[in-house]
Amino acid sequence: MKRKNALISGNILMGLGLVTMIGGVAYSILNQLPQLQLPQFLAHGAMMSIFIGAMLWLAGARISGREKVCDRYYWLRHYGSPRCRQGNHDKTSHHSH
């Protein structure tokens, strides 16, 4: 897949995932209002749509290459600069007044 097509289809999947998640959350919230009389059996589908939306979002991020940014930050935070490493705190260097 060409880079431009991958970016466009990834963005479409991410947008579709976002809309699906927001729709699921909105229906779950609106389902709690008794005056709307929404069907109760769709509440389970609304909860499932949140997870489906998250999977679509992640698939879109994978296709468009956006997950690599998080990988870089993870790698930098854990193995990069000494001041960004976790668990390597020198007690004498912090707040020595």
Protein backbone atom coordinates (compact mmCIF):
# COMPACT_ATOMS: atom_id res chain seq x y z
CA MET A 1 0.00 0.00 0.00
CA LYS A 2 1.37 3.40 -0.89
CA ARG A 3 2.25 5.74 1.96
CA LYS A 4 -0.44 8.29 1.08
CA ASN A 5 -3.15 5.62 0.78
CA ALA A 6 -2.03 4.07 4.07
CA LEU A 7 -2.21 7.43 5.79
CA ILE A 8 -5.67 8.19 4.40
CA SER A 9 -7.12 4.75 5.21
CA GLY A 10 -5.52 4.83 8.67
CA ASN A 11 -7.04 8.23 9.36
CA ILE A 12 -10.44 7.01 8.16
CA LEU A 13 -10.26 4.01 10.48
CA MET A 14 -9.18 6.20 13.38
CA GLY A 15 -12.06 8.59 12.71
CA LEU A 16 -14.53 5.73 12.40
CA GLY A 17 -13.24 4.26 15.65
CA LEU A 18 -13.60 7.61 17.40
CA VAL A 19 -17.18 8.06 16.17
CA THR A 20 -18.02 4.48 17.21
CA MET A 21 -16.59 4.99 20.70
CA ILE A 22 -18.37 8.32 21.19
CA GLY A 23 -21.64 6.82 19.95
CA GLY A 24 -21.32 3.89 22.35
CA VAL A 25 -20.58 6.14 25.30
CA ALA A 26 -23.41 8.49 24.38
CA TYR A 27 -25.93 5.65 24.08
CA SER A 28 -24.75 4.14 27.37
CA ILE A 29 -25.27 7.47 29.12
CA LEU A 30 -28.61 8.20 27.46
CA ASN A 31 -29.80 4.69 28.25
CA GLN A 32 -29.64 5.55 31.95
CA LEU A 33 -32.36 8.20 31.54
CA PRO A 34 -35.74 6.51 32.08
CA GLN A 35 -37.75 9.22 30.31
CA LEU A 36 -36.14 8.36 26.93
CA GLN A 37 -37.35 4.73 27.09
CA LEU A 38 -34.49 3.36 24.99
CA PRO A 39 -34.36 -0.41 24.41
CA GLN A 40 -32.37 -2.08 27.19
CA PHE A 41 -30.98 -4.84 24.96
CA LEU A 42 -29.02 -2.27 22.94
CA ALA A 43 -27.08 -1.25 26.05
CA HIS A 44 -24.84 -4.31 25.71
CA GLY A 45 -24.24 -3.43 22.08
CA ALA A 46 -23.32 0.10 23.11
CA MET A 47 -20.72 -1.24 25.54
CA MET A 48 -19.36 -3.53 22.84
CA SER A 49 -19.17 -0.61 20.40
CA ILE A 50 -16.74 1.16 22.74
CA PHE A 51 -14.33 -1.76 22.45
CA ILE A 52 -14.91 -2.13 18.71
CA GLY A 53 -14.21 1.58 18.29
CA ALA A 54 -10.99 1.22 20.25
CA MET A 55 -9.91 -1.67 18.02
CA LEU A 56 -10.71 0.37 14.91
CA TRP A 57 -8.71 3.28 16.34
CA LEU A 58 -5.72 1.04 17.03
CA ALA A 59 -5.94 -0.58 13.60
CA GLY A 60 -6.01 2.85 11.98
CA ALA A 61 -3.03 3.98 14.02
CA ARG A 62 -1.15 0.84 13.00
CA ILE A 63 -1.94 1.31 9.30
CA SER A 64 -1.07 5.01 9.23
CA GLY A 65 2.13 4.48 11.22
CA ARG A 66 1.17 6.64 14.18
CA GLU A 67 1.99 4.01 16.79
CA LYS A 68 5.68 4.43 16.05
CA VAL A 69 5.64 7.79 17.83
CA CYS A 70 4.60 6.07 21.06
CA ASP A 71 7.25 3.41 20.54
CA ARG A 72 9.90 6.09 20.18
CA TYR A 73 8.82 7.84 23.37
CA TYR A 74 8.71 4.53 25.24
CA TRP A 75 12.18 3.65 23.99
CA LEU A 76 13.54 7.10 24.88
CA ARG A 77 11.95 7.09 28.32
CA HIS A 78 13.25 3.65 29.25
CA TYR A 79 16.57 3.41 27.39
CA GLY A 80 17.44 6.86 26.08
CA SER A 81 18.58 9.87 28.01
CA PRO A 82 19.81 9.16 31.57
CA ARG A 83 17.57 11.88 33.02
CA CYS A 84 14.49 10.22 31.45
CA ARG A 85 15.18 6.72 32.71
CA GLN A 86 12.87 5.37 35.35
CA GLY A 87 14.29 3.68 38.39
CA ASN A 88 17.64 5.46 38.06
CA HIS A 89 17.04 8.24 40.55
CA ASP A 90 20.05 9.61 42.37
CA LYS A 91 18.85 10.92 45.72
CA THR A 92 21.66 13.47 45.99
CA SER A 93 20.88 15.17 42.67
CA HIS A 94 17.23 16.00 43.42
CA HIS A 95 16.38 19.07 45.45
CA SER A 96 19.64 19.52 47.26
CA HIS A 97 19.00 22.76 49.17
